[in-house]
Amino acid sequence: MTLASQQTGANSAAAQYDIVIVGGAVMGSSIAWHLAKALGSGRGILVVEKDMTYAKSASALSAGSIRQQYSSAVNIEISLYGIGFMRDIANRLAVDGDKPEVGLREGGYLYVAGAEGAGILAENQALQQRLGADILYLDAAALKQRFPYLASDDLVCGTWGRTGEGWFDGYGLMQGFRKAARAAGVSYLQAEVVTLERDGDRIAGLTLSDGRRIGCGVLVNAAGALGNRKLAAMAGIAIPVWGKKRSVFRFTAREQLAGFPLLIDTSGVWVRPEGDGYICGISPEDPHETDQAADFEVDWPQFEELVWPALAARVPAFEAIRQGGAWAGHYDMNLFDHNAIVGRLGGLENGYVAAGFSGHGLQQSPAVGRGLAELITQGRYVTLDLGDLSFERLAANRPLLERNVI
């Protein structure tokens, strides 16, 4: 691919790019950097981002974690690549000797189950281990021995990521991709897309809120929770992706609990260490096709009514805590099956999508960026087939179901 010539017109200033990526947070910037790497230069690639403070992006507001404890092979393999990438991020995304730091801490996820969920955990762990993930199955005795601070009388087993799972600085990952992409020649433009120009099965260009027109050879929709569905609709394509609010709460406890993991309780409540305390939350059921995109208010009653009671019951040391601050952000939730939509966008010849990550975007950004770069430049996936995440599964009513959704 080569950069098409710059164009100007009487009615609007226009520029032609080989590839335009809408959305410049972690997913858009990963795609941009991987494309620049595949092409040997970022020249000809434009990232359009409406808010370069990223203050309301999931990249900035997520709890930032990575796991291999999925029940589908593609998600496990995506995160296996992701953990390897983050372990070596200082070298992979270094720019002129400046090496990014994401504070990766491999404390592991710990899923626990009673009699009802024990079989699912065992089956999932067998698949995870077979694919190379370092996930241990712990029966009731082993669970109590390794994590003695848990109230475990109702538990039959747990699965724990001994290595390869944990948490990290999501904003740092996003900035690492962004800085490396810019250093490779990728252009970034702060602007909002208001229309797409469709010519048959191709996207010819886009118009910005200031009236400028940008022509493109390829369009990639990575617009995030607050823009993916809207941008797809501009091309006449519907995707079931909605912005769903999640509140994250901070607290400290009197007792220090050594080796505390990212715990997923049977109630659905999660908690993990953060600094000298903990952060926690829950994913409430909300199957309705509605956005919470304008709402960044913390749902404080959620902590008192749902989160803390479950934590105190599971970890007796959490009966006496000091509640701290909190924040709220949004997931781009795919209501079809809570998994990402990646690949070609509908029937478009030159349209691609990375949307609906449902809380997994940060950890999946390295592999998805690599995969889309391969698909765009070579016409196929080379290193890891992401076909199970394709848009086509929506039309075929073929959901990719995960057995442990958080």
Protein backbone atom coordinates (compact mmCIF):
# COMPACT_ATOMS: atom_id res chain seq x y z
CA MET A 1 0.00 0.00 0.00
CA THR A 2 1.13 3.51 -0.75
CA LEU A 3 -0.19 6.86 0.30
CA ALA A 4 -2.64 8.27 -2.20
CA SER A 5 -2.18 11.86 -3.28
CA GLN A 6 -3.51 14.74 -1.23
CA GLN A 7 -6.53 16.41 -2.82
CA THR A 8 -8.26 19.74 -2.39
CA GLY A 9 -11.60 20.88 -3.68
CA ALA A 10 -13.59 24.06 -3.85
CA ASN A 11 -16.20 22.95 -1.32
CA SER A 12 -14.04 21.21 1.24
CA ALA A 13 -10.44 20.36 1.95
CA ALA A 14 -9.95 16.65 1.29
CA ALA A 15 -7.15 14.23 2.00
CA GLN A 16 -6.86 10.66 0.77
CA TYR A 17 -5.39 7.95 2.99
CA ASP A 18 -4.82 4.28 2.37
CA ILE A 19 -6.24 3.32 5.76
CA VAL A 20 -8.43 5.34 8.12
CA ILE A 21 -9.01 3.98 11.62
CA VAL A 22 -11.85 5.58 13.57
CA GLY A 23 -11.02 5.37 17.27
CA GLY A 24 -7.57 5.97 18.70
CA ALA A 25 -7.66 4.30 22.11
CA VAL A 26 -6.00 0.96 22.80
CA MET A 27 -7.67 -1.02 20.01
CA GLY A 28 -7.34 1.60 17.29
CA SER A 29 -3.76 2.37 18.24
CA SER A 30 -2.83 -1.33 18.37
CA ILE A 31 -4.28 -1.82 14.89
CA ALA A 32 -2.43 1.26 13.65
CA TRP A 33 0.92 0.13 15.07
CA HIS A 34 0.57 -3.42 13.78
CA LEU A 35 -0.37 -2.10 10.33
CA ALA A 36 2.63 0.22 10.29
CA LYS A 37 4.84 -2.70 11.30
CA ALA A 38 3.36 -4.95 8.59
CA LEU A 39 3.71 -2.26 5.91
CA GLY A 40 7.10 -1.04 7.00
CA SER A 41 5.79 2.46 7.66
CA GLY A 42 2.76 4.22 9.07
CA ARG A 43 2.70 6.69 6.21
CA GLY A 44 -0.74 6.50 4.64
CA ILE A 45 -2.49 5.54 7.90
CA LEU A 46 -4.76 8.02 9.69
CA VAL A 47 -6.34 7.55 13.12
CA VAL A 48 -9.38 9.75 13.79
CA GLU A 49 -10.12 10.18 17.50
CA LYS A 50 -12.74 12.58 18.84
CA ASP A 51 -11.17 13.04 22.28
CA MET A 52 -7.42 12.71 22.62
CA THR A 53 -7.58 13.20 26.37
CA TYR A 54 -9.10 9.68 26.43
CA ALA A 55 -10.72 10.69 29.72
CA LYS A 56 -13.90 8.71 29.06
CA SER A 57 -12.37 5.81 27.16
CA ALA A 58 -12.48 2.23 28.43
CA SER A 59 -8.68 2.20 28.06
CA ALA A 60 -8.47 4.79 30.85
CA LEU A 61 -11.36 3.64 33.03
CA SER A 62 -11.05 -0.15 32.90
CA ALA A 63 -9.74 -2.21 35.81
CA GLY A 64 -7.05 -3.49 33.41
CA SER A 65 -6.71 -7.26 33.66
CA ILE A 66 -5.79 -10.31 31.58
CA ARG A 67 -6.82 -13.94 31.87
CA GLN A 68 -6.79 -17.19 29.95
CA GLN A 69 -9.74 -18.62 31.88
CA TYR A 70 -12.17 -18.75 28.99
CA SER A 71 -14.15 -21.65 27.61
CA SER A 72 -13.47 -20.91 23.92
CA ALA A 73 -10.14 -21.69 22.29
CA VAL A 74 -9.89 -18.43 20.35
CA ASN A 75 -10.20 -16.29 23.48
CA ILE A 76 -7.63 -18.40 25.32
CA GLU A 77 -5.15 -18.12 22.47
CA ILE A 78 -5.75 -14.38 22.11
CA SER A 79 -4.84 -13.86 25.76
CA LEU A 80 -1.85 -16.21 25.60
CA TYR A 81 -0.43 -13.94 22.92
CA GLY A 82 -1.43 -10.89 24.94
CA ILE A 83 0.46 -11.93 28.08
CA GLY A 84 3.58 -12.66 26.07
CA PHE A 85 3.30 -9.27 24.44
CA MET A 86 2.93 -7.44 27.74
CA ARG A 87 5.81 -9.32 29.34
CA ASP A 88 8.01 -7.98 26.54
CA ILE A 89 6.29 -4.63 26.00
CA ALA A 90 9.36 -2.60 26.98
CA ASN A 91 11.16 -3.98 23.93
CA ARG A 92 8.26 -4.31 21.50
CA LEU A 93 7.00 -0.73 21.84
CA ALA A 94 10.24 1.08 22.69
CA VAL A 95 10.67 4.41 20.91
CA ASP A 96 14.16 5.91 20.77
CA GLY A 97 15.15 4.09 23.93
CA ASP A 98 11.99 5.15 25.78
CA LYS A 99 10.38 1.93 27.00
CA PRO A 100 6.74 1.81 28.10
CA GLU A 101 5.87 0.35 31.49
CA VAL A 102 2.49 -1.21 32.26
CA GLY A 103 3.16 -2.54 35.77
CA LEU A 104 2.11 -6.08 34.89
CA ARG A 105 1.40 -8.13 38.02
CA GLU A 106 0.70 -11.82 37.47
CA GLY A 107 -1.39 -12.43 40.55
CA GLY A 108 -3.75 -14.80 38.75
CA TYR A 109 -7.51 -15.04 38.46
CA LEU A 110 -9.23 -17.30 40.95
CA TYR A 111 -12.64 -18.66 39.95
CA VAL A 112 -14.46 -20.56 42.69
CA ALA A 113 -17.45 -22.85 42.37
CA GLY A 114 -19.87 -24.85 44.43
CA ALA A 115 -21.42 -28.12 43.33
CA GLU A 116 -23.40 -26.46 40.54
CA GLY A 117 -20.46 -24.87 38.73
CA ALA A 118 -17.67 -27.33 39.50
CA GLY A 119 -18.06 -29.36 36.32
CA ILE A 120 -17.82 -26.28 34.11
CA LEU A 121 -14.62 -25.11 35.83
CA ALA A 122 -13.06 -28.57 35.41
CA GLU A 123 -13.92 -28.74 31.71
CA ASN A 124 -12.68 -25.20 31.08
CA GLN A 125 -9.42 -25.83 32.93
CA ALA A 126 -8.73 -28.94 30.85
CA LEU A 127 -9.07 -26.93 27.63
CA GLN A 128 -7.00 -24.05 29.00
CA GLN A 129 -4.20 -26.37 30.07
CA ARG A 130 -4.26 -28.23 26.76
CA LEU A 131 -3.72 -24.93 24.91
CA GLY A 132 -0.77 -24.02 27.11
CA ALA A 133 -2.29 -21.82 29.81
CA ASP A 134 -0.85 -22.25 33.31
CA ILE A 135 -4.18 -22.75 35.08
CA LEU A 136 -4.37 -25.00 38.13
CA TYR A 137 -7.44 -26.96 39.22
CA LEU A 138 -7.75 -26.84 43.03
CA ASP A 139 -10.08 -29.18 44.86
CA ALA A 140 -11.64 -28.05 48.13
CA ALA A 141 -8.64 -29.07 50.24
CA ALA A 142 -6.08 -27.48 47.91
CA LEU A 143 -8.18 -24.32 47.66
CA LYS A 144 -8.32 -23.98 51.44
CA GLN A 145 -4.60 -24.60 51.78
CA ARG A 146 -3.52 -22.06 49.14
CA PHE A 147 -6.08 -19.38 50.04
CA PRO A 148 -6.81 -19.87 53.76
CA TYR A 149 -8.50 -16.50 54.12
CA LEU A 150 -11.48 -17.60 52.00
CA ALA A 151 -14.69 -18.88 53.55
CA SER A 152 -14.81 -22.09 51.52
CA ASP A 153 -17.27 -24.45 53.21
CA ASP A 154 -19.68 -24.07 50.28
CA LEU A 155 -16.98 -24.47 47.62
CA VAL A 156 -16.12 -27.64 45.73
CA CYS A 157 -13.20 -26.32 43.72
CA GLY A 158 -11.43 -23.36 42.18
CA THR A 159 -9.23 -22.65 39.16
CA TRP A 160 -6.29 -20.30 39.51
CA GLY A 161 -3.83 -18.82 37.04
CA ARG A 162 -0.45 -19.60 38.54
CA THR A 163 1.21 -17.47 35.85
CA GLY A 164 -0.02 -15.56 32.82
CA GLU A 165 -3.00 -13.88 34.47
CA GLY A 166 -3.28 -10.69 36.46
CA TRP A 167 -3.61 -6.96 36.06
CA PHE A 168 -1.80 -4.01 34.52
CA ASP A 169 -1.99 -0.32 33.64
CA GLY A 170 -4.43 -0.19 30.73
CA TYR A 171 -3.84 3.50 30.07
CA GLY A 172 -0.11 2.79 29.89
CA LEU A 173 -0.70 0.05 27.31
CA MET A 174 -2.81 2.40 25.21
CA GLN A 175 -0.22 5.17 25.33
CA GLY A 176 2.52 2.70 24.46
CA PHE A 177 0.72 1.63 21.29
CA ARG A 178 -0.14 5.23 20.42
CA LYS A 179 3.40 6.55 20.85
CA ALA A 180 4.89 3.67 18.85
CA ALA A 181 2.33 4.14 16.07
CA ARG A 182 3.09 7.84 15.80
CA ALA A 183 6.81 7.16 15.78
CA ALA A 184 6.22 4.78 12.85
CA GLY A 185 4.57 7.58 10.86
CA VAL A 186 0.87 7.09 11.66
CA SER A 187 -1.07 10.37 11.66
CA TYR A 188 -3.57 11.18 14.42
CA LEU A 189 -6.39 13.69 13.99
CA GLN A 190 -8.76 14.88 16.72
CA ALA A 191 -12.17 15.02 15.09
CA GLU A 192 -15.61 13.42 15.11
CA VAL A 193 -17.00 11.52 12.15
CA VAL A 194 -20.50 12.66 11.16
CA THR A 195 -21.11 10.76 7.90
CA LEU A 196 -19.65 7.95 5.84
CA GLU A 197 -19.68 8.02 2.04
CA ARG A 198 -20.63 4.61 0.70
CA ASP A 199 -20.10 3.69 -2.95
CA GLY A 200 -21.69 0.31 -3.53
CA ASP A 201 -19.87 -2.17 -1.32
CA ARG A 202 -17.05 0.24 -0.52
CA ILE A 203 -16.55 3.13 1.85
CA ALA A 204 -15.12 5.96 -0.21
CA GLY A 205 -14.62 8.48 2.58
CA LEU A 206 -15.91 10.20 5.66
CA THR A 207 -16.96 13.69 6.63
CA LEU A 208 -15.89 15.31 9.89
CA SER A 209 -17.84 17.66 12.11
CA ASP A 210 -15.80 20.63 10.87
CA GLY A 211 -16.78 19.89 7.26
CA ARG A 212 -13.54 18.28 6.16
CA ARG A 213 -13.74 15.20 3.96
CA ILE A 214 -11.29 12.33 4.26
CA GLY A 215 -11.04 9.74 1.49
CA CYS A 216 -9.92 6.22 2.32
CA GLY A 217 -8.87 2.99 0.71
CA VAL A 218 -9.76 1.03 3.86
CA LEU A 219 -11.92 1.98 6.84
CA VAL A 220 -11.54 0.36 10.27
CA ASN A 221 -14.25 0.85 12.89
CA ALA A 222 -12.57 0.83 16.32
CA ALA A 223 -14.70 3.63 17.75
CA GLY A 224 -15.24 2.07 21.17
CA ALA A 225 -18.24 1.85 23.48
CA LEU A 226 -19.48 5.32 22.62
CA GLY A 227 -19.11 5.09 18.85
CA ASN A 228 -18.93 1.57 17.33
CA ARG A 229 -22.63 1.06 16.70
CA LYS A 230 -23.16 4.62 15.49
CA LEU A 231 -20.33 4.43 12.97
CA ALA A 232 -21.48 1.06 11.64
CA ALA A 233 -24.99 2.48 11.18
CA MET A 234 -23.54 5.27 9.02
CA ALA A 235 -22.52 2.50 6.61
CA GLY A 236 -26.00 0.96 6.78
CA ILE A 237 -24.88 -1.94 8.98
CA ALA A 238 -26.36 -2.83 12.36
CA ILE A 239 -24.21 -4.27 15.14
CA PRO A 240 -25.64 -5.15 18.58
CA VAL A 241 -23.03 -3.20 20.56
CA TRP A 242 -24.11 -0.89 23.37
CA GLY A 243 -22.27 1.18 25.97
CA LYS A 244 -22.86 -0.38 29.40
CA LYS A 245 -21.77 1.27 32.63
CA ARG A 246 -19.59 -0.47 35.19
CA SER A 247 -18.71 0.99 38.59
CA VAL A 248 -15.38 0.17 40.27
CA PHE A 249 -15.04 0.67 44.03
CA ARG A 250 -11.93 1.08 46.20
CA PHE A 251 -11.49 -0.02 49.81
CA THR A 252 -8.79 -0.89 52.33
CA ALA A 253 -8.79 -3.63 54.96
CA ARG A 254 -7.03 -3.92 58.33
CA GLU A 255 -5.51 -7.30 57.61
CA GLN A 256 -2.97 -7.84 54.83
CA LEU A 257 -3.80 -10.97 52.83
CA ALA A 258 -0.69 -12.36 51.17
CA GLY A 259 -0.91 -13.51 47.57
CA PHE A 260 -4.46 -12.31 47.05
CA PRO A 261 -5.56 -13.00 43.45
CA LEU A 262 -8.24 -11.47 41.27
CA LEU A 263 -11.11 -13.36 42.86
CA ILE A 264 -14.32 -14.11 40.97
CA ASP A 265 -16.88 -15.09 43.59
CA THR A 266 -19.85 -17.39 42.96
CA SER A 267 -22.03 -14.28 43.37
CA GLY A 268 -20.37 -12.65 40.35
CA VAL A 269 -18.59 -10.07 42.50
CA TRP A 270 -14.90 -9.60 41.71
CA VAL A 271 -12.08 -8.11 43.79
CA ARG A 272 -8.33 -7.70 43.39
CA PRO A 273 -5.43 -5.88 45.08
CA GLU A 274 -4.63 -2.31 44.04
CA GLY A 275 -1.90 -0.35 45.79
CA ASP A 276 -2.32 -0.68 49.55
CA GLY A 277 -5.96 -1.72 49.19
CA TYR A 278 -8.38 -3.36 46.80
CA ILE A 279 -10.75 -2.57 43.95
CA CYS A 280 -13.96 -4.47 43.31
CA GLY A 281 -17.23 -4.51 41.39
CA ILE A 282 -19.95 -6.57 39.76
CA SER A 283 -21.41 -6.82 36.26
CA PRO A 284 -25.15 -6.34 36.68
CA GLU A 285 -27.49 -7.95 34.20
CA ASP A 286 -28.67 -5.48 31.55
CA PRO A 287 -29.81 -7.29 28.37
CA HIS A 288 -31.71 -4.31 26.99
CA GLU A 289 -30.71 -2.50 23.80
CA THR A 290 -30.06 0.79 25.52
CA ASP A 291 -26.95 2.90 26.00
CA GLN A 292 -25.68 4.28 29.28
CA ALA A 293 -23.16 6.26 27.29
CA ALA A 294 -23.82 9.65 28.86
CA ASP A 295 -23.83 8.35 32.43
CA PHE A 296 -20.53 8.32 34.30
CA GLU A 297 -22.09 8.55 37.75
CA VAL A 298 -20.96 5.88 40.21
CA ASP A 299 -23.73 3.50 41.29
CA TRP A 300 -22.99 3.80 45.03
CA PRO A 301 -25.92 1.64 46.26
CA GLN A 302 -24.45 -1.23 44.24
CA PHE A 303 -21.53 -1.43 46.68
CA GLU A 304 -23.66 -1.44 49.83
CA GLU A 305 -26.37 -3.75 48.51
CA LEU A 306 -24.48 -6.24 46.32
CA VAL A 307 -20.70 -6.00 46.39
CA TRP A 308 -19.70 -5.61 50.01
CA PRO A 309 -22.10 -8.23 51.44
CA ALA A 310 -20.73 -10.82 49.01
CA LEU A 311 -17.12 -9.86 49.78
CA ALA A 312 -17.64 -10.02 53.54
CA ALA A 313 -19.26 -13.43 53.23
CA ARG A 314 -16.44 -14.84 51.10
CA VAL A 315 -13.47 -13.13 52.82
CA PRO A 316 -14.13 -12.65 56.57
CA ALA A 317 -11.25 -10.14 56.75
CA PHE A 318 -13.36 -7.87 54.54
CA GLU A 319 -16.11 -7.55 57.15
CA ALA A 320 -14.20 -4.56 58.54
CA ILE A 321 -13.11 -2.28 55.71
CA ARG A 322 -12.71 1.40 54.97
CA GLN A 323 -14.50 2.36 51.79
CA GLY A 324 -12.58 4.66 49.45
CA GLY A 325 -13.34 6.31 46.15
CA ALA A 326 -14.85 4.89 42.99
CA TRP A 327 -15.21 5.54 39.29
CA ALA A 328 -17.50 4.51 36.45
CA GLY A 329 -16.72 3.67 32.84
CA HIS A 330 -18.30 1.83 29.91
CA TYR A 331 -17.84 -1.49 28.18
CA ASP A 332 -18.76 -1.84 24.50
CA MET A 333 -21.07 -4.73 25.25
CA ASN A 334 -22.01 -7.10 22.43
CA LEU A 335 -25.48 -8.20 23.47
CA PHE A 336 -25.46 -11.06 20.94
CA ASP A 337 -22.95 -13.22 22.83
CA HIS A 338 -20.66 -10.96 24.91
CA ASN A 339 -17.72 -11.60 22.59
CA ALA A 340 -15.88 -9.30 20.21
CA ILE A 341 -16.84 -8.67 16.58
CA VAL A 342 -13.62 -8.67 14.57
CA GLY A 343 -12.92 -8.81 10.83
CA ARG A 344 -14.77 -7.53 7.80
CA LEU A 345 -17.74 -5.29 8.50
CA GLY A 346 -20.84 -6.75 6.90
CA GLY A 347 -20.55 -7.05 3.13
CA LEU A 348 -18.15 -4.14 2.75
CA GLU A 349 -15.14 -4.84 0.55
CA ASN A 350 -12.94 -2.34 2.38
CA GLY A 351 -14.61 -2.06 5.78
CA TYR A 352 -13.34 -3.73 8.95
CA VAL A 353 -14.48 -3.75 12.56
CA ALA A 354 -13.08 -4.30 16.04
CA ALA A 355 -16.04 -3.84 18.39
CA GLY A 356 -18.08 -5.30 21.21
CA PHE A 357 -15.21 -6.54 23.38
CA SER A 358 -17.50 -6.62 26.42
CA GLY A 359 -14.74 -5.82 28.89
CA HIS A 360 -11.92 -7.79 27.22
CA GLY A 361 -10.57 -5.10 24.89
CA LEU A 362 -7.38 -4.18 26.73
CA GLN A 363 -6.13 -7.75 27.07
CA GLN A 364 -7.18 -8.64 23.54
CA SER A 365 -5.75 -5.56 21.83
CA PRO A 366 -2.32 -7.04 20.97
CA ALA A 367 -3.70 -10.12 19.20
CA VAL A 368 -6.61 -8.32 17.54
CA GLY A 369 -4.31 -5.55 16.28
CA ARG A 370 -1.98 -8.15 14.81
CA GLY A 371 -4.86 -10.16 13.31
CA LEU A 372 -6.56 -7.22 11.61
CA ALA A 373 -3.23 -6.01 10.23
CA GLU A 374 -2.77 -9.45 8.65
CA LEU A 375 -6.31 -9.54 7.30
CA ILE A 376 -6.03 -6.05 5.78
CA THR A 377 -2.56 -6.42 4.27
CA GLN A 378 -2.58 -10.13 3.33
CA GLY A 379 -6.26 -10.89 2.97
CA ARG A 380 -6.21 -13.61 5.63
CA TYR A 381 -5.26 -14.37 9.22
CA VAL A 382 -1.73 -15.75 9.36
CA THR A 383 -0.65 -16.30 12.96
CA LEU A 384 -3.99 -16.83 14.73
CA ASP A 385 -7.34 -17.38 13.04
CA LEU A 386 -9.88 -14.95 14.51
CA GLY A 387 -12.68 -16.22 12.28
CA ASP A 388 -14.78 -17.31 15.28
CA LEU A 389 -15.19 -13.60 16.10
CA SER A 390 -16.41 -12.64 12.62
CA PHE A 391 -19.42 -10.45 11.87
CA GLU A 392 -20.87 -13.36 9.86
CA ARG A 393 -21.73 -15.29 13.02
CA LEU A 394 -24.36 -12.65 13.81
CA ALA A 395 -26.28 -13.19 10.57
CA ALA A 396 -25.91 -16.96 10.92
CA ASN A 397 -27.19 -16.80 14.53
CA ARG A 398 -24.09 -18.68 15.62
CA PRO A 399 -23.14 -17.21 19.01
CA LEU A 400 -19.72 -17.82 20.52
CA LEU A 401 -20.80 -18.53 24.05
CA GLU A 402 -18.53 -18.19 27.07
CA ARG A 403 -19.42 -20.23 30.12
CA ASN A 404 -17.87 -17.79 32.61
CA VAL A 405 -18.86 -14.25 31.70
CA ILE A 406 -17.85 -11.47 34.10
